[in-house]
Amino acid sequence: MKNGRWFDTGLPQGFPDLFGFRHSDGTIFFIECKNEKGRPREDQIRFHKMLTKRSVIHGIARSQEDALKIINERLVGYGF
């Protein structure tokens, strides 16, 4: 960003970094990206709990392999 200021995307607090749609079965998924030591924030944990109650595919990916595993295996809450 030219001036380096943060901007508001309009998404709720705790919304995961990535989200998408599985064409194979019409389901949506959410991926929170973290490094090896990264921990979810409290607002991310609240969002995770809301997704878990609804059995939505989501999880924490610490690698590309984790992200693909969450999506392909339809995992709910992986890594939380």
N, C-alpha and C. Protein backbone atom coordinates (compact mmCIF):
# COMPACT_ATOMS: atom_id res chain seq x y z
N MET A 1 0.85 -1.16 0.00
CA MET A 1 0.00 0.00 0.00
C MET A 1 0.90 1.23 0.00
N LYS A 2 0.57 2.22 -0.79
CA LYS A 2 1.41 3.39 -0.98
C LYS A 2 1.71 4.14 0.33
N ASN A 3 0.68 4.42 1.13
CA ASN A 3 0.89 5.18 2.36
C ASN A 3 1.02 4.30 3.59
N GLY A 4 0.91 2.99 3.45
CA GLY A 4 1.13 2.06 4.54
C GLY A 4 0.06 2.03 5.62
N ARG A 5 -1.10 2.61 5.37
CA ARG A 5 -2.15 2.60 6.38
C ARG A 5 -3.03 1.37 6.23
N TRP A 6 -3.59 0.91 7.36
CA TRP A 6 -4.53 -0.20 7.36
C TRP A 6 -5.84 0.25 6.74
N PHE A 7 -6.58 -0.68 6.22
CA PHE A 7 -7.90 -0.37 5.68
C PHE A 7 -8.88 -1.41 6.18
N ASP A 8 -10.16 -1.07 6.17
CA ASP A 8 -11.21 -1.96 6.66
C ASP A 8 -11.86 -2.66 5.47
N THR A 9 -11.84 -3.99 5.49
CA THR A 9 -12.43 -4.78 4.41
C THR A 9 -13.94 -4.93 4.56
N GLY A 10 -14.46 -4.61 5.75
CA GLY A 10 -15.88 -4.78 6.00
C GLY A 10 -16.23 -6.15 6.55
N LEU A 11 -15.25 -7.04 6.64
CA LEU A 11 -15.49 -8.38 7.18
C LEU A 11 -15.51 -8.33 8.70
N PRO A 12 -16.22 -9.25 9.36
CA PRO A 12 -16.28 -9.24 10.83
C PRO A 12 -14.93 -9.57 11.46
N GLN A 13 -14.75 -9.14 12.71
CA GLN A 13 -13.54 -9.46 13.47
C GLN A 13 -13.37 -10.97 13.53
N GLY A 14 -12.15 -11.45 13.33
CA GLY A 14 -11.87 -12.88 13.42
C GLY A 14 -12.09 -13.64 12.13
N PHE A 15 -12.54 -12.96 11.07
CA PHE A 15 -12.78 -13.64 9.79
C PHE A 15 -11.47 -14.23 9.28
N PRO A 16 -11.48 -15.50 8.85
CA PRO A 16 -10.24 -16.16 8.41
C PRO A 16 -9.58 -15.48 7.21
N ASP A 17 -8.30 -15.80 7.04
CA ASP A 17 -7.49 -15.20 5.97
C ASP A 17 -7.98 -15.58 4.58
N LEU A 18 -8.38 -16.82 4.41
CA LEU A 18 -8.78 -17.33 3.10
C LEU A 18 -10.15 -17.99 3.19
N PHE A 19 -10.90 -17.91 2.13
CA PHE A 19 -12.15 -18.67 2.06
C PHE A 19 -12.42 -19.00 0.60
N GLY A 20 -13.20 -20.04 0.40
CA GLY A 20 -13.48 -20.46 -0.96
C GLY A 20 -14.67 -21.38 -1.03
N PHE A 21 -14.88 -21.94 -2.21
CA PHE A 21 -16.06 -22.74 -2.51
C PHE A 21 -15.61 -24.03 -3.18
N ARG A 22 -16.08 -25.16 -2.66
CA ARG A 22 -15.78 -26.47 -3.27
C ARG A 22 -16.84 -26.75 -4.33
N HIS A 23 -16.44 -26.70 -5.59
CA HIS A 23 -17.39 -26.96 -6.68
C HIS A 23 -17.91 -28.39 -6.64
N SER A 24 -17.10 -29.31 -6.14
CA SER A 24 -17.49 -30.73 -6.15
C SER A 24 -18.76 -31.01 -5.35
N ASP A 25 -18.97 -30.27 -4.26
CA ASP A 25 -20.15 -30.54 -3.42
C ASP A 25 -20.88 -29.27 -2.97
N GLY A 26 -20.44 -28.12 -3.45
CA GLY A 26 -21.14 -26.88 -3.15
C GLY A 26 -20.96 -26.35 -1.74
N THR A 27 -19.87 -26.74 -1.07
CA THR A 27 -19.65 -26.25 0.29
C THR A 27 -18.59 -25.16 0.30
N ILE A 28 -18.71 -24.29 1.30
CA ILE A 28 -17.76 -23.21 1.48
C ILE A 28 -16.73 -23.66 2.52
N PHE A 29 -15.53 -23.10 2.46
CA PHE A 29 -14.49 -23.41 3.45
C PHE A 29 -13.76 -22.14 3.85
N PHE A 30 -13.14 -22.19 5.03
CA PHE A 30 -12.39 -21.06 5.57
C PHE A 30 -11.05 -21.56 6.09
N ILE A 31 -9.98 -20.81 5.79
CA ILE A 31 -8.63 -21.19 6.22
C ILE A 31 -8.00 -20.01 6.95
N GLU A 32 -7.52 -20.26 8.16
CA GLU A 32 -6.73 -19.28 8.92
C GLU A 32 -5.27 -19.68 8.75
N CYS A 33 -4.44 -18.78 8.25
CA CYS A 33 -3.02 -19.07 8.00
C CYS A 33 -2.18 -18.63 9.19
N LYS A 34 -1.36 -19.54 9.69
CA LYS A 34 -0.46 -19.24 10.81
C LYS A 34 0.89 -19.88 10.53
N ASN A 35 1.95 -19.29 11.11
CA ASN A 35 3.25 -19.94 11.03
C ASN A 35 3.33 -21.02 12.10
N GLU A 36 4.48 -21.64 12.26
CA GLU A 36 4.62 -22.78 13.19
C GLU A 36 4.25 -22.41 14.62
N LYS A 37 4.52 -21.17 15.02
CA LYS A 37 4.29 -20.76 16.40
C LYS A 37 3.05 -19.89 16.58
N GLY A 38 2.39 -19.54 15.49
CA GLY A 38 1.24 -18.63 15.55
C GLY A 38 0.06 -19.23 16.31
N ARG A 39 -0.59 -18.39 17.09
CA ARG A 39 -1.76 -18.80 17.88
C ARG A 39 -2.96 -17.97 17.44
N PRO A 40 -4.15 -18.57 17.42
CA PRO A 40 -5.33 -17.79 17.06
C PRO A 40 -5.67 -16.75 18.13
N ARG A 41 -6.13 -15.58 17.67
CA ARG A 41 -6.59 -14.54 18.58
C ARG A 41 -7.96 -14.92 19.13
N GLU A 42 -8.38 -14.23 20.16
CA GLU A 42 -9.68 -14.50 20.79
C GLU A 42 -10.83 -14.34 19.78
N ASP A 43 -10.77 -13.31 18.94
CA ASP A 43 -11.85 -13.12 17.96
C ASP A 43 -11.84 -14.23 16.92
N GLN A 44 -10.68 -14.78 16.60
CA GLN A 44 -10.59 -15.91 15.67
C GLN A 44 -11.16 -17.18 16.30
N ILE A 45 -10.95 -17.34 17.59
CA ILE A 45 -11.51 -18.50 18.30
C ILE A 45 -13.04 -18.41 18.33
N ARG A 46 -13.57 -17.22 18.55
CA ARG A 46 -15.04 -17.04 18.53
C ARG A 46 -15.60 -17.38 17.15
N PHE A 47 -14.93 -16.94 16.09
CA PHE A 47 -15.38 -17.24 14.74
C PHE A 47 -15.32 -18.75 14.50
N HIS A 48 -14.25 -19.39 14.96
CA HIS A 48 -14.09 -20.85 14.86
C HIS A 48 -15.26 -21.57 15.55
N LYS A 49 -15.63 -21.13 16.74
CA LYS A 49 -16.73 -21.76 17.47
C LYS A 49 -18.05 -21.64 16.70
N MET A 50 -18.27 -20.48 16.08
CA MET A 50 -19.48 -20.27 15.29
C MET A 50 -19.49 -21.22 14.09
N LEU A 51 -18.34 -21.36 13.41
CA LEU A 51 -18.26 -22.26 12.26
C LEU A 51 -18.43 -23.71 12.69
N THR A 52 -17.85 -24.08 13.82
CA THR A 52 -17.95 -25.46 14.32
C THR A 52 -19.41 -25.82 14.61
N LYS A 53 -20.15 -24.91 15.23
CA LYS A 53 -21.57 -25.17 15.52
C LYS A 53 -22.36 -25.47 14.26
N ARG A 54 -21.91 -24.93 13.15
CA ARG A 54 -22.60 -25.11 11.87
C ARG A 54 -21.94 -26.16 10.98
N SER A 55 -20.96 -26.87 11.54
CA SER A 55 -20.23 -27.93 10.81
C SER A 55 -19.63 -27.44 9.49
N VAL A 56 -19.08 -26.23 9.52
CA VAL A 56 -18.47 -25.65 8.32
C VAL A 56 -17.00 -26.07 8.24
N ILE A 57 -16.55 -26.42 7.04
CA ILE A 57 -15.16 -26.79 6.81
C ILE A 57 -14.28 -25.58 7.11
N HIS A 58 -13.33 -25.75 8.04
CA HIS A 58 -12.40 -24.67 8.38
C HIS A 58 -11.27 -25.21 9.23
N GLY A 59 -10.21 -24.43 9.33
CA GLY A 59 -9.10 -24.82 10.18
C GLY A 59 -7.93 -23.87 10.05
N ILE A 60 -6.90 -24.19 10.84
CA ILE A 60 -5.65 -23.44 10.80
C ILE A 60 -4.68 -24.20 9.92
N ALA A 61 -4.14 -23.49 8.93
CA ALA A 61 -3.14 -24.09 8.04
C ALA A 61 -1.78 -23.49 8.35
N ARG A 62 -0.83 -24.35 8.63
CA ARG A 62 0.54 -23.91 8.86
C ARG A 62 1.42 -24.21 7.66
N SER A 63 0.79 -24.77 6.63
CA SER A 63 1.49 -25.09 5.38
C SER A 63 0.45 -25.24 4.27
N GLN A 64 0.94 -25.29 3.05
CA GLN A 64 0.05 -25.54 1.91
C GLN A 64 -0.62 -26.90 2.06
N GLU A 65 0.14 -27.87 2.56
CA GLU A 65 -0.40 -29.22 2.76
C GLU A 65 -1.55 -29.21 3.76
N ASP A 66 -1.41 -28.45 4.84
CA ASP A 66 -2.50 -28.33 5.82
C ASP A 66 -3.76 -27.77 5.16
N ALA A 67 -3.60 -26.72 4.37
CA ALA A 67 -4.75 -26.09 3.71
C ALA A 67 -5.47 -27.08 2.81
N LEU A 68 -4.71 -27.82 2.01
CA LEU A 68 -5.32 -28.80 1.12
C LEU A 68 -5.99 -29.93 1.90
N LYS A 69 -5.38 -30.33 3.02
CA LYS A 69 -5.96 -31.38 3.86
C LYS A 69 -7.32 -30.93 4.41
N ILE A 70 -7.38 -29.70 4.91
CA ILE A 70 -8.63 -29.16 5.46
C ILE A 70 -9.73 -29.21 4.39
N ILE A 71 -9.39 -28.75 3.20
CA ILE A 71 -10.37 -28.68 2.12
C ILE A 71 -10.75 -30.06 1.60
N ASN A 72 -9.75 -30.86 1.25
CA ASN A 72 -10.01 -32.15 0.61
C ASN A 72 -10.64 -33.18 1.54
N GLU A 73 -10.29 -33.11 2.84
CA GLU A 73 -10.84 -34.07 3.80
C GLU A 73 -12.05 -33.52 4.55
N ARG A 74 -12.50 -32.33 4.16
CA ARG A 74 -13.69 -31.70 4.77
C ARG A 74 -13.57 -31.60 6.29
N LEU A 75 -12.42 -31.14 6.77
CA LEU A 75 -12.18 -31.08 8.20
C LEU A 75 -12.84 -29.85 8.82
N VAL A 76 -13.37 -30.03 10.01
CA VAL A 76 -14.04 -28.95 10.74
C VAL A 76 -13.21 -28.66 11.99
N GLY A 77 -12.59 -27.47 12.03
CA GLY A 77 -11.84 -27.06 13.21
C GLY A 77 -10.42 -27.57 13.28
N TYR A 78 -9.85 -28.01 12.18
CA TYR A 78 -8.48 -28.55 12.17
C TYR A 78 -7.50 -27.52 12.73
N GLY A 79 -6.70 -27.93 13.70
CA GLY A 79 -5.65 -27.09 14.25
C GLY A 79 -6.05 -26.14 15.35
N PHE A 80 -7.34 -26.05 15.67
CA PHE A 80 -7.77 -25.14 16.74
C PHE A 80 -7.65 -25.81 18.08
